[in-house]
Amino acid sequence: MEFQGRVALVTGGTRGIGAAIVRRLAQRGADVAFTYARSDQRAKDLADELGATGVRVLAIKADSRDLAAVRAAVARTAKELGRLDILVNSAGVFPAGPIEGATLEEINDTLAIHAGAVFVASQAALAHMGSGGRIISIGSCFAQRVPYGGVTLYAMSKSALIGFTKGLAREVGARGITVNIVDPGSTDTDMNPADGPAVAAELELMAVKRYAQPEEIAAAVGYLAGAESGFITGASLAIDGGFTA
């Protein structure tokens, strides 16, 4: 129960990696808020599941395309749960296809979710964090290696997190707050299922010939959120089966 007495906010927390992170933190004693964009029932089910274990859980409907809603979610978390110690920026989309086909709406949405929302949520969270605070963003192995086409927009948006993380780590390190990225590779989620059409091509690029489970990504986040990782900041942790090796 290493996170007992601490409060976490996870954006995009009802599916895939985000839901695994919410569960990981709650199972270790944290009171957890999470945002979601669409499914009220999925959010209720997760909140009920974790609330039954004795932790406080707050489900907040807030689309990460809406930066004002993201800022409001941070404020609501701190107000209703009393504090904010851990922020995990997990909300994401996966735009794919030739650059010629990317629409302005798709470009704006992707950059808002992967870069703008991360900046705004972190900016707002810092007003509530003290020493021991943790900001962790979910990046991508494509920020370091892009071995094929069709993911230019996605790779660009995730690469922005590297500069953000290094810059913010410098700003808040003296306050005892750390800022890091977890860069997953192919992970078995609705967005990229392990039985999908791209599996064979993905495995060819990896040293470990399987997809990750969301819980494996959540384990890395749990480590970076804990006390033992207090000397790690400005870092990118690759959990990608050797994709970037």
C-alpha atoms as a PDB file:
ATOM      1  CA  MET A   1       0.000   0.000   0.000  1.00  0.00           C
ATOM      2  CA  GLU A   2       2.832   2.380  -0.853  1.00  0.00           C
ATOM      3  CA  PHE A   3       0.459   5.025  -2.263  1.00  0.00           C
ATOM      4  CA  GLN A   4      -1.887   5.170   0.716  1.00  0.00           C
ATOM      5  CA  GLY A   5      -2.658   8.798   1.535  1.00  0.00           C
ATOM      6  CA  ARG A   6      -1.726   9.950  -1.959  1.00  0.00           C
ATOM      7  CA  VAL A   7      -4.009  11.124  -4.769  1.00  0.00           C
ATOM      8  CA  ALA A   8      -3.510  10.410  -8.462  1.00  0.00           C
ATOM      9  CA  LEU A   9      -5.174  11.679 -11.619  1.00  0.00           C
ATOM     10  CA  VAL A  10      -4.975   9.566 -14.785  1.00  0.00           C
ATOM     11  CA  THR A  11      -6.235  11.027 -18.041  1.00  0.00           C
ATOM     12  CA  GLY A  12      -7.840   8.591 -20.463  1.00  0.00           C
ATOM     13  CA  GLY A  13      -8.324   6.137 -17.623  1.00  0.00           C
ATOM     14  CA  THR A  14     -11.108   3.789 -18.688  1.00  0.00           C
ATOM     15  CA  ARG A  15      -9.478   1.709 -21.424  1.00  0.00           C
ATOM     16  CA  GLY A  16      -6.278  -0.150 -22.202  1.00  0.00           C
ATOM     17  CA  ILE A  17      -3.116   1.217 -20.653  1.00  0.00           C
ATOM     18  CA  GLY A  18      -4.966   3.999 -18.834  1.00  0.00           C
ATOM     19  CA  ALA A  19      -7.325   1.607 -17.050  1.00  0.00           C
ATOM     20  CA  ALA A  20      -4.413  -0.648 -16.083  1.00  0.00           C
ATOM     21  CA  ILE A  21      -2.641   2.354 -14.549  1.00  0.00           C
ATOM     22  CA  VAL A  22      -5.745   3.389 -12.598  1.00  0.00           C
ATOM     23  CA  ARG A  23      -6.043  -0.139 -11.216  1.00  0.00           C
ATOM     24  CA  ARG A  24      -2.338  -0.346 -10.382  1.00  0.00           C
ATOM     25  CA  LEU A  25      -2.348   2.866  -8.365  1.00  0.00           C
ATOM     26  CA  ALA A  26      -5.637   2.098  -6.619  1.00  0.00           C
ATOM     27  CA  GLN A  27      -4.571  -1.426  -5.707  1.00  0.00           C
ATOM     28  CA  ARG A  28      -1.571   0.083  -3.962  1.00  0.00           C
ATOM     29  CA  GLY A  29      -3.695   2.412  -1.891  1.00  0.00           C
ATOM     30  CA  ALA A  30      -3.959   5.646  -3.887  1.00  0.00           C
ATOM     31  CA  ASP A  31      -7.197   7.554  -4.163  1.00  0.00           C
ATOM     32  CA  VAL A  32      -7.634   7.894  -7.907  1.00  0.00           C
ATOM     33  CA  ALA A  33      -9.420  10.255 -10.267  1.00  0.00           C
ATOM     34  CA  PHE A  34      -9.556   9.479 -13.967  1.00  0.00           C
ATOM     35  CA  THR A  35     -10.900  11.240 -17.020  1.00  0.00           C
ATOM     36  CA  TYR A  36     -12.785   9.718 -19.905  1.00  0.00           C
ATOM     37  CA  ALA A  37     -14.331  11.040 -23.094  1.00  0.00           C
ATOM     38  CA  ARG A  38     -17.276   8.811 -23.973  1.00  0.00           C
ATOM     39  CA  SER A  39     -18.488   5.701 -22.156  1.00  0.00           C
ATOM     40  CA  ASP A  40     -20.326   6.623 -18.959  1.00  0.00           C
ATOM     41  CA  GLN A  41     -21.027   2.960 -18.234  1.00  0.00           C
ATOM     42  CA  ARG A  42     -17.394   1.904 -18.585  1.00  0.00           C
ATOM     43  CA  ALA A  43     -16.368   4.720 -16.254  1.00  0.00           C
ATOM     44  CA  LYS A  44     -19.032   3.771 -13.700  1.00  0.00           C
ATOM     45  CA  ASP A  45     -18.014   0.124 -13.790  1.00  0.00           C
ATOM     46  CA  LEU A  46     -14.360   0.954 -13.150  1.00  0.00           C
ATOM     47  CA  ALA A  47     -15.199   3.413 -10.372  1.00  0.00           C
ATOM     48  CA  ASP A  48     -17.489   0.871  -8.697  1.00  0.00           C
ATOM     49  CA  GLU A  49     -14.890  -1.896  -9.015  1.00  0.00           C
ATOM     50  CA  LEU A  50     -12.155   0.111  -7.363  1.00  0.00           C
ATOM     51  CA  GLY A  51     -14.384   1.904  -4.886  1.00  0.00           C
ATOM     52  CA  ALA A  52     -15.349  -1.485  -3.470  1.00  0.00           C
ATOM     53  CA  THR A  53     -11.723  -1.959  -2.387  1.00  0.00           C
ATOM     54  CA  GLY A  54     -11.922   1.018  -0.031  1.00  0.00           C
ATOM     55  CA  VAL A  55     -10.137   3.751  -1.981  1.00  0.00           C
ATOM     56  CA  ARG A  56     -11.843   6.921  -3.142  1.00  0.00           C
ATOM     57  CA  VAL A  57     -12.455   7.026  -6.888  1.00  0.00           C
ATOM     58  CA  LEU A  58     -13.571   9.982  -8.976  1.00  0.00           C
ATOM     59  CA  ALA A  59     -14.634   9.560 -12.618  1.00  0.00           C
ATOM     60  CA  ILE A  60     -14.551  12.829 -14.569  1.00  0.00           C
ATOM     61  CA  LYS A  61     -15.985  13.166 -18.056  1.00  0.00           C
ATOM     62  CA  ALA A  62     -13.474  15.394 -19.860  1.00  0.00           C
ATOM     63  CA  ASP A  63     -12.375  15.069 -23.469  1.00  0.00           C
ATOM     64  CA  SER A  64      -8.651  15.823 -23.730  1.00  0.00           C
ATOM     65  CA  ARG A  65      -9.307  17.720 -26.960  1.00  0.00           C
ATOM     66  CA  ASP A  66     -10.897  20.346 -24.711  1.00  0.00           C
ATOM     67  CA  LEU A  67      -8.023  21.939 -22.826  1.00  0.00           C
ATOM     68  CA  ALA A  68     -10.340  23.890 -20.536  1.00  0.00           C
ATOM     69  CA  ALA A  69     -12.007  20.619 -19.522  1.00  0.00           C
ATOM     70  CA  VAL A  70      -8.596  19.113 -18.769  1.00  0.00           C
ATOM     71  CA  ARG A  71      -7.700  22.046 -16.541  1.00  0.00           C
ATOM     72  CA  ALA A  72     -11.063  21.771 -14.784  1.00  0.00           C
ATOM     73  CA  ALA A  73     -10.508  18.045 -14.179  1.00  0.00           C
ATOM     74  CA  VAL A  74      -7.286  18.799 -12.320  1.00  0.00           C
ATOM     75  CA  ALA A  75      -9.008  21.412 -10.177  1.00  0.00           C
ATOM     76  CA  ARG A  76     -11.897  19.080  -9.409  1.00  0.00           C
ATOM     77  CA  THR A  77      -9.544  16.272  -8.410  1.00  0.00           C
ATOM     78  CA  ALA A  78      -7.655  18.472  -5.965  1.00  0.00           C
ATOM     79  CA  LYS A  79     -10.869  19.909  -4.528  1.00  0.00           C
ATOM     80  CA  GLU A  80     -12.844  16.690  -4.098  1.00  0.00           C
ATOM     81  CA  LEU A  81      -9.985  14.376  -3.119  1.00  0.00           C
ATOM     82  CA  GLY A  82      -8.118  16.998  -1.116  1.00  0.00           C
ATOM     83  CA  ARG A  83      -4.742  17.018  -2.860  1.00  0.00           C
ATOM     84  CA  LEU A  84      -2.866  15.860  -5.963  1.00  0.00           C
ATOM     85  CA  ASP A  85       0.411  13.963  -5.836  1.00  0.00           C
ATOM     86  CA  ILE A  86       0.586  11.977  -9.081  1.00  0.00           C
ATOM     87  CA  LEU A  87      -0.467  12.996 -12.588  1.00  0.00           C
ATOM     88  CA  VAL A  88      -0.408  10.412 -15.378  1.00  0.00           C
ATOM     89  CA  ASN A  89      -1.043  11.806 -18.859  1.00  0.00           C
ATOM     90  CA  SER A  90      -2.381   8.710 -20.609  1.00  0.00           C
ATOM     91  CA  ALA A  91      -5.143   9.888 -22.971  1.00  0.00           C
ATOM     92  CA  GLY A  92      -4.273   9.083 -26.556  1.00  0.00           C
ATOM     93  CA  VAL A  93      -5.368   8.473 -30.121  1.00  0.00           C
ATOM     94  CA  PHE A  94      -3.623   6.679 -32.975  1.00  0.00           C
ATOM     95  CA  PRO A  95      -3.950   8.531 -36.292  1.00  0.00           C
ATOM     96  CA  ALA A  96      -2.515   6.503 -39.153  1.00  0.00           C
ATOM     97  CA  GLY A  97      -2.233   6.898 -42.893  1.00  0.00           C
ATOM     98  CA  PRO A  98      -0.282   8.898 -45.486  1.00  0.00           C
ATOM     99  CA  ILE A  99       0.452  12.495 -44.587  1.00  0.00           C
ATOM    100  CA  GLU A 100      -1.572  13.674 -47.595  1.00  0.00           C
ATOM    101  CA  GLY A 101      -4.721  12.302 -45.992  1.00  0.00           C
ATOM    102  CA  ALA A 102      -4.416  14.029 -42.617  1.00  0.00           C
ATOM    103  CA  THR A 103      -7.158  16.616 -42.117  1.00  0.00           C
ATOM    104  CA  LEU A 104      -6.791  19.818 -40.142  1.00  0.00           C
ATOM    105  CA  GLU A 105      -9.250  18.455 -37.592  1.00  0.00           C
ATOM    106  CA  GLU A 106      -7.197  15.292 -37.145  1.00  0.00           C
ATOM    107  CA  ILE A 107      -3.966  17.284 -36.813  1.00  0.00           C
ATOM    108  CA  ASN A 108      -5.479  19.648 -34.260  1.00  0.00           C
ATOM    109  CA  ASP A 109      -7.090  16.844 -32.244  1.00  0.00           C
ATOM    110  CA  THR A 110      -3.924  14.756 -32.126  1.00  0.00           C
ATOM    111  CA  LEU A 111      -1.729  17.639 -31.034  1.00  0.00           C
ATOM    112  CA  ALA A 112      -4.309  18.770 -28.488  1.00  0.00           C
ATOM    113  CA  ILE A 113      -4.531  15.327 -26.875  1.00  0.00           C
ATOM    114  CA  HIS A 114      -0.869  14.336 -26.991  1.00  0.00           C
ATOM    115  CA  ALA A 115       0.769  17.719 -26.378  1.00  0.00           C
ATOM    116  CA  GLY A 116      -1.665  20.467 -25.396  1.00  0.00           C
ATOM    117  CA  ALA A 117      -3.555  18.450 -22.781  1.00  0.00           C
ATOM    118  CA  VAL A 118      -0.293  17.203 -21.272  1.00  0.00           C
ATOM    119  CA  PHE A 119       1.010  20.754 -20.954  1.00  0.00           C
ATOM    120  CA  VAL A 120      -2.234  22.108 -19.485  1.00  0.00           C
ATOM    121  CA  ALA A 121      -2.786  19.220 -17.061  1.00  0.00           C
ATOM    122  CA  SER A 122       0.795  19.415 -15.822  1.00  0.00           C
ATOM    123  CA  GLN A 123       0.654  23.186 -15.494  1.00  0.00           C
ATOM    124  CA  ALA A 124      -2.528  22.945 -13.436  1.00  0.00           C
ATOM    125  CA  ALA A 125      -1.307  20.003 -11.344  1.00  0.00           C
ATOM    126  CA  LEU A 126       1.862  21.813 -10.270  1.00  0.00           C
ATOM    127  CA  ALA A 127      -0.235  24.303  -8.332  1.00  0.00           C
ATOM    128  CA  HIS A 128      -1.210  21.439  -6.007  1.00  0.00           C
ATOM    129  CA  MET A 129       1.979  19.338  -5.880  1.00  0.00           C
ATOM    130  CA  GLY A 130       4.640  19.422  -3.233  1.00  0.00           C
ATOM    131  CA  SER A 131       7.869  17.517  -2.776  1.00  0.00           C
ATOM    132  CA  GLY A 132       7.427  13.937  -3.933  1.00  0.00           C
ATOM    133  CA  GLY A 133       5.061  14.938  -6.720  1.00  0.00           C
ATOM    134  CA  ARG A 134       5.164  12.869  -9.892  1.00  0.00           C
ATOM    135  CA  ILE A 135       4.244  13.746 -13.471  1.00  0.00           C
ATOM    136  CA  ILE A 136       4.356  10.806 -15.877  1.00  0.00           C
ATOM    137  CA  SER A 137       3.325  10.865 -19.526  1.00  0.00           C
ATOM    138  CA  ILE A 138       2.609   7.933 -21.798  1.00  0.00           C
ATOM    139  CA  GLY A 139       4.679   8.427 -24.928  1.00  0.00           C
ATOM    140  CA  SER A 140       5.464   5.921 -27.659  1.00  0.00           C
ATOM    141  CA  CYS A 141       8.344   3.936 -29.098  1.00  0.00           C
ATOM    142  CA  PHE A 142       7.670   5.905 -32.301  1.00  0.00           C
ATOM    143  CA  ALA A 143       9.186   8.964 -30.620  1.00  0.00           C
ATOM    144  CA  GLN A 144      12.567   7.216 -30.935  1.00  0.00           C
ATOM    145  CA  ARG A 145      12.227   5.022 -34.012  1.00  0.00           C
ATOM    146  CA  VAL A 146       9.862   5.145 -37.001  1.00  0.00           C
ATOM    147  CA  PRO A 147      10.666   2.136 -39.225  1.00  0.00           C
ATOM    148  CA  TYR A 148       7.777   2.570 -41.663  1.00  0.00           C
ATOM    149  CA  GLY A 149       5.475   5.250 -43.019  1.00  0.00           C
ATOM    150  CA  GLY A 150       1.931   6.182 -42.159  1.00  0.00           C
ATOM    151  CA  VAL A 151       2.530   7.264 -38.561  1.00  0.00           C
ATOM    152  CA  THR A 152       4.109  10.686 -39.120  1.00  0.00           C
ATOM    153  CA  LEU A 153       1.462  12.676 -37.241  1.00  0.00           C
ATOM    154  CA  TYR A 154       1.430  10.240 -34.336  1.00  0.00           C
ATOM    155  CA  ALA A 155       5.236  10.167 -34.103  1.00  0.00           C
ATOM    156  CA  MET A 156       5.441  13.962 -34.220  1.00  0.00           C
ATOM    157  CA  SER A 157       2.904  14.392 -31.451  1.00  0.00           C
ATOM    158  CA  LYS A 158       4.547  11.844 -29.157  1.00  0.00           C
ATOM    159  CA  SER A 159       8.020  13.250 -29.843  1.00  0.00           C
ATOM    160  CA  ALA A 160       6.849  16.575 -28.431  1.00  0.00           C
ATOM    161  CA  LEU A 161       6.667  14.927 -25.015  1.00  0.00           C
ATOM    162  CA  ILE A 162      10.427  14.468 -24.948  1.00  0.00           C
ATOM    163  CA  GLY A 163      11.161  18.182 -25.042  1.00  0.00           C
ATOM    164  CA  PHE A 164       8.312  18.913 -22.660  1.00  0.00           C
ATOM    165  CA  THR A 165       9.507  16.344 -20.137  1.00  0.00           C
ATOM    166  CA  LYS A 166      13.134  17.440 -20.187  1.00  0.00           C
ATOM    167  CA  GLY A 167      12.198  21.104 -19.919  1.00  0.00           C
ATOM    168  CA  LEU A 168       9.730  20.631 -17.083  1.00  0.00           C
ATOM    169  CA  ALA A 169      12.077  18.316 -15.195  1.00  0.00           C
ATOM    170  CA  ARG A 170      14.572  21.194 -15.089  1.00  0.00           C
ATOM    171  CA  GLU A 171      11.918  23.625 -13.858  1.00  0.00           C
ATOM    172  CA  VAL A 172      10.535  21.585 -10.967  1.00  0.00           C
ATOM    173  CA  GLY A 173      13.412  19.350  -9.860  1.00  0.00           C
ATOM    174  CA  ALA A 174      14.400  21.685  -7.044  1.00  0.00           C
ATOM    175  CA  ARG A 175      10.861  21.311  -5.688  1.00  0.00           C
ATOM    176  CA  GLY A 176      11.300  17.551  -5.363  1.00  0.00           C
ATOM    177  CA  ILE A 177       8.923  16.845  -8.262  1.00  0.00           C
ATOM    178  CA  THR A 178       9.954  14.418 -10.996  1.00  0.00           C
ATOM    179  CA  VAL A 179       8.793  14.356 -14.628  1.00  0.00           C
ATOM    180  CA  ASN A 180       9.223  11.287 -16.834  1.00  0.00           C
ATOM    181  CA  ILE A 181       7.878   9.443 -19.877  1.00  0.00           C
ATOM    182  CA  VAL A 182       7.007   5.797 -20.351  1.00  0.00           C
ATOM    183  CA  ASP A 183       7.339   4.818 -24.026  1.00  0.00           C
ATOM    184  CA  PRO A 184       5.301   1.668 -24.747  1.00  0.00           C
ATOM    185  CA  GLY A 185       5.754  -0.470 -27.801  1.00  0.00           C
ATOM    186  CA  SER A 186       3.032  -2.672 -29.252  1.00  0.00           C
ATOM    187  CA  THR A 187       0.585  -3.327 -26.437  1.00  0.00           C
ATOM    188  CA  ASP A 188      -2.513  -5.516 -26.510  1.00  0.00           C
ATOM    189  CA  THR A 189      -5.321  -2.949 -26.323  1.00  0.00           C
ATOM    190  CA  ASP A 190      -8.412  -2.030 -28.326  1.00  0.00           C
ATOM    191  CA  MET A 191      -6.234   0.436 -30.243  1.00  0.00           C
ATOM    192  CA  ASN A 192      -3.703  -2.208 -31.323  1.00  0.00           C
ATOM    193  CA  PRO A 193      -4.920  -5.741 -30.476  1.00  0.00           C
ATOM    194  CA  ALA A 194      -2.503  -8.636 -30.355  1.00  0.00           C
ATOM    195  CA  ASP A 195      -4.645 -10.499 -32.901  1.00  0.00           C
ATOM    196  CA  GLY A 196      -4.889  -7.571 -35.315  1.00  0.00           C
ATOM    197  CA  PRO A 197      -3.722  -7.410 -38.929  1.00  0.00           C
ATOM    198  CA  ALA A 198      -0.404  -5.686 -38.138  1.00  0.00           C
ATOM    199  CA  VAL A 199       0.888  -8.228 -35.625  1.00  0.00           C
ATOM    200  CA  ALA A 200       3.336 -10.118 -37.842  1.00  0.00           C
ATOM    201  CA  ALA A 201       4.959  -6.914 -39.095  1.00  0.00           C
ATOM    202  CA  GLU A 202       5.213  -5.499 -35.568  1.00  0.00           C
ATOM    203  CA  LEU A 203       6.821  -8.643 -34.140  1.00  0.00           C
ATOM    204  CA  GLU A 204       9.493  -8.559 -36.830  1.00  0.00           C
ATOM    205  CA  LEU A 205      10.697  -5.247 -35.387  1.00  0.00           C
ATOM    206  CA  MET A 206      10.889  -6.475 -31.793  1.00  0.00           C
ATOM    207  CA  ALA A 207      13.480  -8.513 -29.864  1.00  0.00           C
ATOM    208  CA  VAL A 208      10.792 -10.025 -27.622  1.00  0.00           C
ATOM    209  CA  LYS A 209       8.319 -11.651 -29.999  1.00  0.00           C
ATOM    210  CA  ARG A 210       5.065 -10.768 -28.301  1.00  0.00           C
ATOM    211  CA  TYR A 211       2.875  -7.803 -27.486  1.00  0.00           C
ATOM    212  CA  ALA A 212       3.029  -6.201 -24.052  1.00  0.00           C
ATOM    213  CA  GLN A 213       0.121  -6.453 -21.680  1.00  0.00           C
ATOM    214  CA  PRO A 214      -1.277  -3.158 -20.354  1.00  0.00           C
ATOM    215  CA  GLU A 215      -0.337  -4.250 -16.855  1.00  0.00           C
ATOM    216  CA  GLU A 216       3.343  -4.293 -17.857  1.00  0.00           C
ATOM    217  CA  ILE A 217       3.156  -0.643 -18.869  1.00  0.00           C
ATOM    218  CA  ALA A 218       1.274   0.154 -15.673  1.00  0.00           C
ATOM    219  CA  ALA A 219       4.030  -1.507 -13.643  1.00  0.00           C
ATOM    220  CA  ALA A 220       6.578   0.933 -15.074  1.00  0.00           C
ATOM    221  CA  VAL A 221       4.299   3.846 -14.268  1.00  0.00           C
ATOM    222  CA  GLY A 222       3.853   2.511 -10.749  1.00  0.00           C
ATOM    223  CA  TYR A 223       7.615   2.436 -10.283  1.00  0.00           C
ATOM    224  CA  LEU A 224       8.075   5.999 -11.534  1.00  0.00           C
ATOM    225  CA  ALA A 225       5.240   7.142  -9.262  1.00  0.00           C
ATOM    226  CA  GLY A 226       6.841   5.616  -6.174  1.00  0.00           C
ATOM    227  CA  ALA A 227       9.398   6.760  -3.650  1.00  0.00           C
ATOM    228  CA  GLU A 228      12.198   4.563  -5.010  1.00  0.00           C
ATOM    229  CA  SER A 229      12.300   6.509  -8.285  1.00  0.00           C
ATOM    230  CA  GLY A 230      12.956   9.894  -6.724  1.00  0.00           C
ATOM    231  CA  PHE A 231      16.317  10.317  -8.487  1.00  0.00           C
ATOM    232  CA  ILE A 232      14.872   9.643 -11.954  1.00  0.00           C
ATOM    233  CA  THR A 233      13.657  12.697 -13.837  1.00  0.00           C
ATOM    234  CA  GLY A 234      13.666  13.943 -17.406  1.00  0.00           C
ATOM    235  CA  ALA A 235      13.911  10.325 -18.531  1.00  0.00           C
ATOM    236  CA  SER A 236      12.190   8.165 -21.141  1.00  0.00           C
ATOM    237  CA  LEU A 237      11.630   4.554 -20.103  1.00  0.00           C
ATOM    238  CA  ALA A 238      11.147   2.234 -23.082  1.00  0.00           C
ATOM    239  CA  ILE A 239       8.774  -0.692 -22.474  1.00  0.00           C
ATOM    240  CA  ASP A 240       8.783  -1.917 -26.039  1.00  0.00           C
ATOM    241  CA  GLY A 241      10.158  -5.461 -26.261  1.00  0.00           C
ATOM    242  CA  GLY A 242      13.330  -4.175 -27.867  1.00  0.00           C
ATOM    243  CA  PHE A 243      11.654  -2.186 -30.654  1.00  0.00           C
ATOM    244  CA  THR A 244      14.128   0.666 -30.142  1.00  0.00           C
ATOM    245  CA  ALA A 245      17.117  -1.518 -29.220  1.00  0.00           C
END
